[in-house]
Amino acid sequence: MKSLHDHMEYFYNTKNWKNYWVNSLKKLINGKVIDVGTGIGSNIPFYLNLKTIKKLVCLEPDIKLYNKVKKKFNRLKKNKIFFKKIYLLELRSKEKFDTIIYADVLEHIKNDFKEIKLAINHLKIGGRLIILCPAHNYLFTIFDKNVGHYRRYNKKMFTRLKVPKTKIEKLYYLDSLGFFLSLLNKVILKRDPKKEEIKFWDNLVVPISKVTDCLSLNLFGKSIICIYKKINN
């Protein structure tokens, strides 16, 4: 059984996928940004390609992952990127942020509703909380269990959460073709994906999904994106 850290390495080079979802949000990821659960930093290069980011604060409480990501990126744009070995709960700064991102992180947090409310408190009015997570609990597999997922999400789960001082700005699915691969794993394979299979998904499946997502109007997919916008109410 592979650990979460092993799978992070497997997914590090999924460039097509990261380009896809990050670039689809490039107009919404801006200003001062917090990346919660940075891991080994696989999303950092894609964030830094966005000209809209002025400051990037990366939070990673795991000491091994923190040391690894800091060593890898600490010399890169020192005046723009900052690393903290803490959970968001431990962030004592009164600074308010424009964007907070949970990229494949919220499903690892037991009390997700509490975490969402905490994140909203760190946003400016008009700021955005961007959540990317695996979709559909009926696709929950041994892989989800092995990497520490508590759940997968669907649209109804987000719309039922009554988060104070927010409105849902966007809520949609991604990777429609990947949905069927996840279904195949759930019904037939029933195991963790192999490194070669992840490469196949990123190199061949994701580019096709970019087309099928448009054709299907993002009505289904392997992943889901929810964007909360903080309002003054």
Foldseek 3Di string as FASTA:
>chain_A
DDELLVVCVLCLPLVLVLLVVCVVCLVQDAEAEEEFQCFLPSNVVVSVVRPRYQAYEYEHQDPVRQVNNCVVPCVPPVVHYHYDNDGLVPDPDPAATQEYEHAQNLQQDPPSLVVVLSNLSRHDQQHKYKYKHFADQLLDAVQCVRHRGPGHYDPVVVVPRDHPQKDWPDKAAFQAVVVVVSVCCSPPVRDHDDSVVSVCCSPPRRVVRVVVCVVVVRHDHRMMMIMIGGHDD
